[in-house]
Amino acid sequence: MSDNTFIKELEFVQLLCNPDYLKWLFEQGYFENKSFKDLIKHLQYWKEDKYKIYLTYPYCLNILDILNKEDVIQTLKDESFYVRIAQEQFLLWKSRRDD
């Protein structure tokens, strides 16, 4: 993998935990596009120890799991999903600051 690909995929996988960006991707129909779904599957390699050490926002791996489920469209249709992501991230951020 080239350095450029590594950096782009590192940035993209972490953007997936941004609820506004995730919602935008859904509204634009990306999750109905086979090439995009293949990319999401491909990004599973970030769960390997040798890659996840580079993640600043490891919560993105939880989102990646959700995005790889068969019922992802139903999940993304639910507005409360985005609210929950934002709340969970806030609590993670807060607990980091409190440590």
PDB file of N, CA and C in Angstrom:
ATOM      1  N   MET A   1       0.853  -1.173   0.000  1.00  0.00           N
ATOM      2  CA  MET A   1       0.000   0.000   0.000  1.00  0.00           C
ATOM      3  C   MET A   1       0.899   1.236   0.000  1.00  0.00           C
ATOM      4  N   SER A   2       0.563   2.175  -0.848  1.00  0.00           N
ATOM      5  CA  SER A   2       1.364   3.403  -0.899  1.00  0.00           C
ATOM      6  C   SER A   2       1.068   4.280   0.314  1.00  0.00           C
ATOM      7  N   ASP A   3       2.007   5.152   0.637  1.00  0.00           N
ATOM      8  CA  ASP A   3       1.814   6.084   1.755  1.00  0.00           C
ATOM      9  C   ASP A   3       0.584   6.949   1.532  1.00  0.00           C
ATOM     10  N   ASN A   4       0.372   7.362   0.289  1.00  0.00           N
ATOM     11  CA  ASN A   4      -0.763   8.218  -0.034  1.00  0.00           C
ATOM     12  C   ASN A   4      -2.092   7.497   0.224  1.00  0.00           C
ATOM     13  N   THR A   5      -2.180   6.236  -0.194  1.00  0.00           N
ATOM     14  CA  THR A   5      -3.389   5.445   0.042  1.00  0.00           C
ATOM     15  C   THR A   5      -3.608   5.253   1.537  1.00  0.00           C
ATOM     16  N   PHE A   6      -2.544   4.930   2.248  1.00  0.00           N
ATOM     17  CA  PHE A   6      -2.630   4.736   3.694  1.00  0.00           C
ATOM     18  C   PHE A   6      -3.201   5.983   4.369  1.00  0.00           C
ATOM     19  N   ILE A   7      -2.682   7.140   4.034  1.00  0.00           N
ATOM     20  CA  ILE A   7      -3.125   8.394   4.657  1.00  0.00           C
ATOM     21  C   ILE A   7      -4.577   8.699   4.299  1.00  0.00           C
ATOM     22  N   LYS A   8      -4.943   8.504   3.039  1.00  0.00           N
ATOM     23  CA  LYS A   8      -6.327   8.769   2.621  1.00  0.00           C
ATOM     24  C   LYS A   8      -7.306   7.842   3.330  1.00  0.00           C
ATOM     25  N   GLU A   9      -6.956   6.564   3.416  1.00  0.00           N
ATOM     26  CA  GLU A   9      -7.851   5.616   4.069  1.00  0.00           C
ATOM     27  C   GLU A   9      -7.887   5.825   5.581  1.00  0.00           C
ATOM     28  N   LEU A  10      -6.773   6.218   6.161  1.00  0.00           N
ATOM     29  CA  LEU A  10      -6.744   6.551   7.589  1.00  0.00           C
ATOM     30  C   LEU A  10      -7.679   7.723   7.872  1.00  0.00           C
ATOM     31  N   GLU A  11      -7.596   8.742   7.053  1.00  0.00           N
ATOM     32  CA  GLU A  11      -8.464   9.906   7.231  1.00  0.00           C
ATOM     33  C   GLU A  11      -9.927   9.534   7.017  1.00  0.00           C
ATOM     34  N   PHE A  12     -10.198   8.785   5.960  1.00  0.00           N
ATOM     35  CA  PHE A  12     -11.583   8.447   5.644  1.00  0.00           C
ATOM     36  C   PHE A  12     -12.221   7.573   6.720  1.00  0.00           C
ATOM     37  N   VAL A  13     -11.520   6.540   7.157  1.00  0.00           N
ATOM     38  CA  VAL A  13     -12.117   5.640   8.144  1.00  0.00           C
ATOM     39  C   VAL A  13     -12.458   6.397   9.427  1.00  0.00           C
ATOM     40  N   GLN A  14     -11.653   7.380   9.785  1.00  0.00           N
ATOM     41  CA  GLN A  14     -11.928   8.150  10.996  1.00  0.00           C
ATOM     42  C   GLN A  14     -13.063   9.152  10.791  1.00  0.00           C
ATOM     43  N   LEU A  15     -13.239   9.607   9.560  1.00  0.00           N
ATOM     44  CA  LEU A  15     -14.368  10.501   9.272  1.00  0.00           C
ATOM     45  C   LEU A  15     -15.708   9.803   9.460  1.00  0.00           C
ATOM     46  N   LEU A  16     -15.704   8.491   9.403  1.00  0.00           N
ATOM     47  CA  LEU A  16     -16.954   7.748   9.542  1.00  0.00           C
ATOM     48  C   LEU A  16     -17.588   7.911  10.917  1.00  0.00           C
ATOM     49  N   CYS A  17     -16.846   8.376  11.898  1.00  0.00           N
ATOM     50  CA  CYS A  17     -17.468   8.589  13.211  1.00  0.00           C
ATOM     51  C   CYS A  17     -17.985  10.017  13.361  1.00  0.00           C
ATOM     52  N   ASN A  18     -17.979  10.779  12.293  1.00  0.00           N
ATOM     53  CA  ASN A  18     -18.604  12.103  12.293  1.00  0.00           C
ATOM     54  C   ASN A  18     -20.064  11.913  11.881  1.00  0.00           C
ATOM     55  N   PRO A  19     -21.013  12.085  12.811  1.00  0.00           N
ATOM     56  CA  PRO A  19     -22.415  11.813  12.484  1.00  0.00           C
ATOM     57  C   PRO A  19     -22.950  12.658  11.325  1.00  0.00           C
ATOM     58  N   ASP A  20     -22.518  13.903  11.225  1.00  0.00           N
ATOM     59  CA  ASP A  20     -22.992  14.751  10.125  1.00  0.00           C
ATOM     60  C   ASP A  20     -22.484  14.249   8.780  1.00  0.00           C
ATOM     61  N   TYR A  21     -21.241  13.835   8.727  1.00  0.00           N
ATOM     62  CA  TYR A  21     -20.671  13.307   7.484  1.00  0.00           C
ATOM     63  C   TYR A  21     -21.332  11.981   7.121  1.00  0.00           C
ATOM     64  N   LEU A  22     -21.530  11.140   8.112  1.00  0.00           N
ATOM     65  CA  LEU A  22     -22.170   9.851   7.894  1.00  0.00           C
ATOM     66  C   LEU A  22     -23.584  10.035   7.339  1.00  0.00           C
ATOM     67  N   LYS A  23     -24.301  10.971   7.915  1.00  0.00           N
ATOM     68  CA  LYS A  23     -25.664  11.250   7.440  1.00  0.00           C
ATOM     69  C   LYS A  23     -25.629  11.787   6.009  1.00  0.00           C
ATOM     70  N   TRP A  24     -24.668  12.642   5.709  1.00  0.00           N
ATOM     71  CA  TRP A  24     -24.538  13.177   4.357  1.00  0.00           C
ATOM     72  C   TRP A  24     -24.270  12.044   3.358  1.00  0.00           C
ATOM     73  N   LEU A  25     -23.361  11.135   3.712  1.00  0.00           N
ATOM     74  CA  LEU A  25     -23.076   9.993   2.838  1.00  0.00           C
ATOM     75  C   LEU A  25     -24.345   9.187   2.574  1.00  0.00           C
ATOM     76  N   PHE A  26     -25.124   8.973   3.622  1.00  0.00           N
ATOM     77  CA  PHE A  26     -26.376   8.225   3.478  1.00  0.00           C
ATOM     78  C   PHE A  26     -27.350   8.973   2.573  1.00  0.00           C
ATOM     79  N   GLU A  27     -27.531  10.250   2.814  1.00  0.00           N
ATOM     80  CA  GLU A  27     -28.477  11.047   2.030  1.00  0.00           C
ATOM     81  C   GLU A  27     -28.075  11.143   0.561  1.00  0.00           C
ATOM     82  N   GLN A  28     -26.789  11.049   0.283  1.00  0.00           N
ATOM     83  CA  GLN A  28     -26.306  11.097  -1.103  1.00  0.00           C
ATOM     84  C   GLN A  28     -26.387   9.729  -1.793  1.00  0.00           C
ATOM     85  N   GLY A  29     -26.795   8.705  -1.054  1.00  0.00           N
ATOM     86  CA  GLY A  29     -26.980   7.377  -1.634  1.00  0.00           C
ATOM     87  C   GLY A  29     -25.730   6.508  -1.712  1.00  0.00           C
ATOM     88  N   TYR A  30     -24.689   6.894  -1.024  1.00  0.00           N
ATOM     89  CA  TYR A  30     -23.445   6.122  -1.087  1.00  0.00           C
ATOM     90  C   TYR A  30     -23.618   4.684  -0.612  1.00  0.00           C
ATOM     91  N   PHE A  31     -24.472   4.456   0.374  1.00  0.00           N
ATOM     92  CA  PHE A  31     -24.611   3.120   0.941  1.00  0.00           C
ATOM     93  C   PHE A  31     -25.434   2.193   0.059  1.00  0.00           C
ATOM     94  N   GLU A  32     -25.924   2.709  -1.048  1.00  0.00           N
ATOM     95  CA  GLU A  32     -26.604   1.885  -2.043  1.00  0.00           C
ATOM     96  C   GLU A  32     -25.684   1.591  -3.223  1.00  0.00           C
ATOM     97  N   ASN A  33     -24.477   2.120  -3.195  1.00  0.00           N
ATOM     98  CA  ASN A  33     -23.497   1.967  -4.266  1.00  0.00           C
ATOM     99  C   ASN A  33     -22.576   0.787  -3.944  1.00  0.00           C
ATOM    100  N   LYS A  34     -22.517  -0.198  -4.851  1.00  0.00           N
ATOM    101  CA  LYS A  34     -21.717  -1.395  -4.599  1.00  0.00           C
ATOM    102  C   LYS A  34     -20.237  -1.074  -4.386  1.00  0.00           C
ATOM    103  N   SER A  35     -19.687  -0.179  -5.164  1.00  0.00           N
ATOM    104  CA  SER A  35     -18.265   0.172  -5.010  1.00  0.00           C
ATOM    105  C   SER A  35     -17.992   0.773  -3.635  1.00  0.00           C
ATOM    106  N   PHE A  36     -18.919   1.604  -3.167  1.00  0.00           N
ATOM    107  CA  PHE A  36     -18.751   2.204  -1.842  1.00  0.00           C
ATOM    108  C   PHE A  36     -18.861   1.140  -0.755  1.00  0.00           C
ATOM    109  N   LYS A  37     -19.831   0.237  -0.899  1.00  0.00           N
ATOM    110  CA  LYS A  37     -19.976  -0.840   0.084  1.00  0.00           C
ATOM    111  C   LYS A  37     -18.731  -1.732   0.101  1.00  0.00           C
ATOM    112  N   ASP A  38     -18.149  -1.949  -1.074  1.00  0.00           N
ATOM    113  CA  ASP A  38     -16.902  -2.725  -1.137  1.00  0.00           C
ATOM    114  C   ASP A  38     -15.769  -1.993  -0.417  1.00  0.00           C
ATOM    115  N   LEU A  39     -15.722  -0.682  -0.559  1.00  0.00           N
ATOM    116  CA  LEU A  39     -14.709   0.111   0.145  1.00  0.00           C
ATOM    117  C   LEU A  39     -14.874  -0.029   1.660  1.00  0.00           C
ATOM    118  N   ILE A  40     -16.110   0.050   2.127  1.00  0.00           N
ATOM    119  CA  ILE A  40     -16.376  -0.087   3.565  1.00  0.00           C
ATOM    120  C   ILE A  40     -15.901  -1.461   4.056  1.00  0.00           C
ATOM    121  N   LYS A  41     -16.151  -2.507   3.269  1.00  0.00           N
ATOM    122  CA  LYS A  41     -15.666  -3.845   3.641  1.00  0.00           C
ATOM    123  C   LYS A  41     -14.141  -3.883   3.647  1.00  0.00           C
ATOM    124  N   HIS A  42     -13.546  -3.277   2.651  1.00  0.00           N
ATOM    125  CA  HIS A  42     -12.081  -3.240   2.544  1.00  0.00           C
ATOM    126  C   HIS A  42     -11.449  -2.586   3.778  1.00  0.00           C
ATOM    127  N   LEU A  43     -12.102  -1.582   4.312  1.00  0.00           N
ATOM    128  CA  LEU A  43     -11.545  -0.830   5.443  1.00  0.00           C
ATOM    129  C   LEU A  43     -11.486  -1.638   6.740  1.00  0.00           C
ATOM    130  N   GLN A  44     -12.015  -2.833   6.729  1.00  0.00           N
ATOM    131  CA  GLN A  44     -11.961  -3.685   7.925  1.00  0.00           C
ATOM    132  C   GLN A  44     -10.526  -3.973   8.367  1.00  0.00           C
ATOM    133  N   TYR A  45      -9.576  -3.826   7.467  1.00  0.00           N
ATOM    134  CA  TYR A  45      -8.188  -4.096   7.851  1.00  0.00           C
ATOM    135  C   TYR A  45      -7.709  -3.163   8.962  1.00  0.00           C
ATOM    136  N   TRP A  46      -8.395  -2.034   9.151  1.00  0.00           N
ATOM    137  CA  TRP A  46      -8.008  -1.105  10.229  1.00  0.00           C
ATOM    138  C   TRP A  46      -8.210  -1.717  11.611  1.00  0.00           C
ATOM    139  N   LYS A  47      -8.938  -2.820  11.678  1.00  0.00           N
ATOM    140  CA  LYS A  47      -9.152  -3.481  12.961  1.00  0.00           C
ATOM    141  C   LYS A  47      -7.943  -4.322  13.384  1.00  0.00           C
ATOM    142  N   GLU A  48      -7.033  -4.547  12.459  1.00  0.00           N
ATOM    143  CA  GLU A  48      -5.824  -5.310  12.775  1.00  0.00           C
ATOM    144  C   GLU A  48      -4.901  -4.456  13.648  1.00  0.00           C
ATOM    145  N   ASP A  49      -4.243  -5.110  14.588  1.00  0.00           N
ATOM    146  CA  ASP A  49      -3.372  -4.400  15.536  1.00  0.00           C
ATOM    147  C   ASP A  49      -2.331  -3.522  14.852  1.00  0.00           C
ATOM    148  N   LYS A  50      -1.765  -4.015  13.761  1.00  0.00           N
ATOM    149  CA  LYS A  50      -0.689  -3.256  13.114  1.00  0.00           C
ATOM    150  C   LYS A  50      -1.184  -1.973  12.448  1.00  0.00           C
ATOM    151  N   TYR A  51      -2.503  -1.855  12.262  1.00  0.00           N
ATOM    152  CA  TYR A  51      -3.060  -0.631  11.674  1.00  0.00           C
ATOM    153  C   TYR A  51      -3.783   0.239  12.697  1.00  0.00           C
ATOM    154  N   LYS A  52      -4.499  -0.379  13.609  1.00  0.00           N
ATOM    155  CA  LYS A  52      -5.316   0.433  14.523  1.00  0.00           C
ATOM    156  C   LYS A  52      -4.495   1.312  15.460  1.00  0.00           C
ATOM    157  N   ILE A  53      -3.222   1.030  15.588  1.00  0.00           N
ATOM    158  CA  ILE A  53      -2.372   1.894  16.419  1.00  0.00           C
ATOM    159  C   ILE A  53      -2.251   3.306  15.840  1.00  0.00           C
ATOM    160  N   TYR A  54      -2.583   3.463  14.567  1.00  0.00           N
ATOM    161  CA  TYR A  54      -2.499   4.781  13.925  1.00  0.00           C
ATOM    162  C   TYR A  54      -3.774   5.607  14.090  1.00  0.00           C
ATOM    163  N   LEU A  55      -4.809   5.007  14.614  1.00  0.00           N
ATOM    164  CA  LEU A  55      -6.099   5.692  14.742  1.00  0.00           C
ATOM    165  C   LEU A  55      -6.105   6.654  15.925  1.00  0.00           C
ATOM    166  N   THR A  56      -6.473   7.869  15.663  1.00  0.00           N
ATOM    167  CA  THR A  56      -6.684   8.847  16.727  1.00  0.00           C
ATOM    168  C   THR A  56      -8.079   8.664  17.314  1.00  0.00           C
ATOM    169  N   TYR A  57      -9.009   8.232  16.480  1.00  0.00           N
ATOM    170  CA  TYR A  57     -10.407   8.047  16.880  1.00  0.00           C
ATOM    171  C   TYR A  57     -10.801   6.583  16.679  1.00  0.00           C
ATOM    172  N   PRO A  58     -10.400   5.700  17.586  1.00  0.00           N
ATOM    173  CA  PRO A  58     -10.687   4.276  17.412  1.00  0.00           C
ATOM    174  C   PRO A  58     -12.178   3.937  17.438  1.00  0.00           C
ATOM    175  N   TYR A  59     -12.996   4.868  17.893  1.00  0.00           N
ATOM    176  CA  TYR A  59     -14.448   4.656  17.868  1.00  0.00           C
ATOM    177  C   TYR A  59     -14.938   4.395  16.445  1.00  0.00           C
ATOM    178  N   CYS A  60     -14.181   4.849  15.472  1.00  0.00           N
ATOM    179  CA  CYS A  60     -14.571   4.642  14.077  1.00  0.00           C
ATOM    180  C   CYS A  60     -14.686   3.154  13.749  1.00  0.00           C
ATOM    181  N   LEU A  61     -13.978   2.301  14.473  1.00  0.00           N
ATOM    182  CA  LEU A  61     -14.063   0.862  14.228  1.00  0.00           C
ATOM    183  C   LEU A  61     -15.436   0.322  14.611  1.00  0.00           C
ATOM    184  N   ASN A  62     -16.044   0.882  15.644  1.00  0.00           N
ATOM    185  CA  ASN A  62     -17.412   0.497  16.009  1.00  0.00           C
ATOM    186  C   ASN A  62     -18.379   0.879  14.890  1.00  0.00           C
ATOM    187  N   ILE A  63     -18.185   2.070  14.348  1.00  0.00           N
ATOM    188  CA  ILE A  63     -19.040   2.535  13.256  1.00  0.00           C
ATOM    189  C   ILE A  63     -18.828   1.657  12.028  1.00  0.00           C
ATOM    190  N   LEU A  64     -17.599   1.301  11.764  1.00  0.00           N
ATOM    191  CA  LEU A  64     -17.288   0.434  10.631  1.00  0.00           C
ATOM    192  C   LEU A  64     -18.039  -0.891  10.748  1.00  0.00           C
ATOM    193  N   ASP A  65     -18.099  -1.453  11.941  1.00  0.00           N
ATOM    194  CA  ASP A  65     -18.862  -2.690  12.157  1.00  0.00           C
ATOM    195  C   ASP A  65     -20.331  -2.491  11.805  1.00  0.00           C
ATOM    196  N   ILE A  66     -20.901  -1.388  12.238  1.00  0.00           N
ATOM    197  CA  ILE A  66     -22.307  -1.094  11.948  1.00  0.00           C
ATOM    198  C   ILE A  66     -22.519  -0.947  10.449  1.00  0.00           C
ATOM    199  N   LEU A  67     -21.607  -0.255   9.788  1.00  0.00           N
ATOM    200  CA  LEU A  67     -21.753   0.003   8.355  1.00  0.00           C
ATOM    201  C   LEU A  67     -21.596  -1.254   7.511  1.00  0.00           C
ATOM    202  N   ASN A  68     -21.009  -2.279   8.069  1.00  0.00           N
ATOM    203  CA  ASN A  68     -20.840  -3.535   7.340  1.00  0.00           C
ATOM    204  C   ASN A  68     -21.972  -4.528   7.592  1.00  0.00           C
ATOM    205  N   LYS A  69     -22.972  -4.136   8.353  1.00  0.00           N
ATOM    206  CA  LYS A  69     -24.115  -5.014   8.604  1.00  0.00           C
ATOM    207  C   LYS A  69     -25.090  -4.951   7.429  1.00  0.00           C
ATOM    208  N   GLU A  70     -25.826  -6.036   7.248  1.00  0.00           N
ATOM    209  CA  GLU A  70     -26.798  -6.121   6.153  1.00  0.00           C
ATOM    210  C   GLU A  70     -27.905  -5.072   6.273  1.00  0.00           C
ATOM    211  N   ASP A  71     -28.311  -4.762   7.500  1.00  0.00           N
ATOM    212  CA  ASP A  71     -29.431  -3.837   7.710  1.00  0.00           C
ATOM    213  C   ASP A  71     -28.980  -2.391   7.900  1.00  0.00           C
ATOM    214  N   VAL A  72     -27.822  -2.039   7.346  1.00  0.00           N
ATOM    215  CA  VAL A  72     -27.257  -0.699   7.552  1.00  0.00           C
ATOM    216  C   VAL A  72     -28.197   0.401   7.056  1.00  0.00           C
ATOM    217  N   ILE A  73     -28.913   0.168   5.969  1.00  0.00           N
ATOM    218  CA  ILE A  73     -29.812   1.197   5.428  1.00  0.00           C
ATOM    219  C   ILE A  73     -30.888   1.530   6.457  1.00  0.00           C
ATOM    220  N   GLN A  74     -31.450   0.516   7.083  1.00  0.00           N
ATOM    221  CA  GLN A  74     -32.476   0.759   8.106  1.00  0.00           C
ATOM    222  C   GLN A  74     -31.893   1.542   9.277  1.00  0.00           C
ATOM    223  N   THR A  75     -30.699   1.195   9.674  1.00  0.00           N
ATOM    224  CA  THR A  75     -30.032   1.896  10.775  1.00  0.00           C
ATOM    225  C   THR A  75     -29.818   3.359  10.428  1.00  0.00           C
ATOM    226  N   LEU A  76     -29.335   3.617   9.213  1.00  0.00           N
ATOM    227  CA  LEU A  76     -29.013   4.985   8.804  1.00  0.00           C
ATOM    228  C   LEU A  76     -30.253   5.843   8.555  1.00  0.00           C
ATOM    229  N   LYS A  77     -31.390   5.215   8.364  1.00  0.00           N
ATOM    230  CA  LYS A  77     -32.647   5.962   8.192  1.00  0.00           C
ATOM    231  C   LYS A  77     -33.134   6.551   9.511  1.00  0.00           C
ATOM    232  N   ASP A  78     -32.683   5.985  10.606  1.00  0.00           N
ATOM    233  CA  ASP A  78     -33.151   6.373  11.942  1.00  0.00           C
ATOM    234  C   ASP A  78     -32.330   7.549  12.478  1.00  0.00           C
ATOM    235  N   GLU A  79     -32.971   8.686  12.623  1.00  0.00           N
ATOM    236  CA  GLU A  79     -32.300   9.906  13.100  1.00  0.00           C
ATOM    237  C   GLU A  79     -31.651   9.704  14.469  1.00  0.00           C
ATOM    238  N   SER A  80     -32.237   8.853  15.297  1.00  0.00           N
ATOM    239  CA  SER A  80     -31.678   8.638  16.636  1.00  0.00           C
ATOM    240  C   SER A  80     -30.297   7.975  16.576  1.00  0.00           C
ATOM    241  N   PHE A  81     -30.001   7.295  15.491  1.00  0.00           N
ATOM    242  CA  PHE A  81     -28.678   6.687  15.321  1.00  0.00           C
ATOM    243  C   PHE A  81     -27.589   7.756  15.355  1.00  0.00           C
ATOM    244  N   TYR A  82     -27.815   8.850  14.656  1.00  0.00           N
ATOM    245  CA  TYR A  82     -26.823   9.927  14.584  1.00  0.00           C
ATOM    246  C   TYR A  82     -26.692  10.652  15.930  1.00  0.00           C
ATOM    247  N   VAL A  83     -27.809  10.796  16.613  1.00  0.00           N
ATOM    248  CA  VAL A  83     -27.794  11.422  17.942  1.00  0.00           C
ATOM    249  C   VAL A  83     -26.999  10.548  18.908  1.00  0.00           C
ATOM    250  N   ARG A  84     -27.233   9.246  18.838  1.00  0.00           N
ATOM    251  CA  ARG A  84     -26.526   8.313  19.726  1.00  0.00           C
ATOM    252  C   ARG A  84     -25.017   8.349  19.472  1.00  0.00           C
ATOM    253  N   ILE A  85     -24.620   8.380  18.218  1.00  0.00           N
ATOM    254  CA  ILE A  85     -23.187   8.457  17.896  1.00  0.00           C
ATOM    255  C   ILE A  85     -22.577   9.717  18.505  1.00  0.00           C
ATOM    256  N   ALA A  86     -23.249  10.836  18.319  1.00  0.00           N
ATOM    257  CA  ALA A  86     -22.733  12.106  18.851  1.00  0.00           C
ATOM    258  C   ALA A  86     -22.611  12.039  20.371  1.00  0.00           C
ATOM    259  N   GLN A  87     -23.614  11.477  21.036  1.00  0.00           N
ATOM    260  CA  GLN A  87     -23.579  11.374  22.493  1.00  0.00           C
ATOM    261  C   GLN A  87     -22.458  10.450  22.964  1.00  0.00           C
ATOM    262  N   GLU A  88     -22.316   9.305  22.310  1.00  0.00           N
ATOM    263  CA  GLU A  88     -21.265   8.364  22.696  1.00  0.00           C
ATOM    264  C   GLU A  88     -19.881   8.981  22.513  1.00  0.00           C
ATOM    265  N   GLN A  89     -19.707   9.704  21.433  1.00  0.00           N
ATOM    266  CA  GLN A  89     -18.412  10.334  21.193  1.00  0.00           C
ATOM    267  C   GLN A  89     -18.127  11.418  22.221  1.00  0.00           C
ATOM    268  N   PHE A  90     -19.148  12.168  22.580  1.00  0.00           N
ATOM    269  CA  PHE A  90     -18.959  13.197  23.598  1.00  0.00           C
ATOM    270  C   PHE A  90     -18.517  12.564  24.913  1.00  0.00           C
ATOM    271  N   LEU A  91     -19.167  11.469  25.294  1.00  0.00           N
ATOM    272  CA  LEU A  91     -18.805  10.799  26.544  1.00  0.00           C
ATOM    273  C   LEU A  91     -17.382  10.234  26.484  1.00  0.00           C
ATOM    274  N   LEU A  92     -16.999   9.701  25.334  1.00  0.00           N
ATOM    275  CA  LEU A  92     -15.622   9.216  25.178  1.00  0.00           C
ATOM    276  C   LEU A  92     -14.626  10.360  25.300  1.00  0.00           C
ATOM    277  N   TRP A  93     -14.922  11.466  24.648  1.00  0.00           N
ATOM    278  CA  TRP A  93     -14.056  12.640  24.703  1.00  0.00           C
ATOM    279  C   TRP A  93     -13.954  13.165  26.133  1.00  0.00           C
ATOM    280  N   LYS A  94     -15.105  13.230  26.808  1.00  0.00           N
ATOM    281  CA  LYS A  94     -15.135  13.737  28.178  1.00  0.00           C
ATOM    282  C   LYS A  94     -14.324  12.833  29.107  1.00  0.00           C
ATOM    283  N   SER A  95     -14.460  11.534  28.953  1.00  0.00           N
ATOM    284  CA  SER A  95     -13.714  10.621  29.828  1.00  0.00           C
ATOM    285  C   SER A  95     -12.209  10.705  29.565  1.00  0.00           C
ATOM    286  N   ARG A  96     -11.813  10.974  28.342  1.00  0.00           N
ATOM    287  CA  ARG A  96     -10.388  11.170  28.039  1.00  0.00           C
ATOM    288  C   ARG A  96      -9.852  12.408  28.746  1.00  0.00           C
ATOM    289  N   ARG A  97     -10.639  13.456  28.741  1.00  0.00           N
ATOM    290  CA  ARG A  97     -10.220  14.715  29.359  1.00  0.00           C
ATOM    291  C   ARG A  97     -10.179  14.600  30.874  1.00  0.00           C
ATOM    292  N   ASP A  98     -11.063  13.771  31.432  1.00  0.00           N
ATOM    293  CA  ASP A  98     -11.127  13.617  32.884  1.00  0.00           C
ATOM    294  C   ASP A  98      -9.986  12.757  33.428  1.00  0.00           C
ATOM    295  N   ASP A  99      -9.360  11.976  32.560  1.00  0.00           N
ATOM    296  CA  ASP A  99      -8.274  11.076  33.012  1.00  0.00           C
ATOM    297  C   ASP A  99      -7.005  11.797  33.315  1.00  0.00           C
TER     298      ASP A  99
END
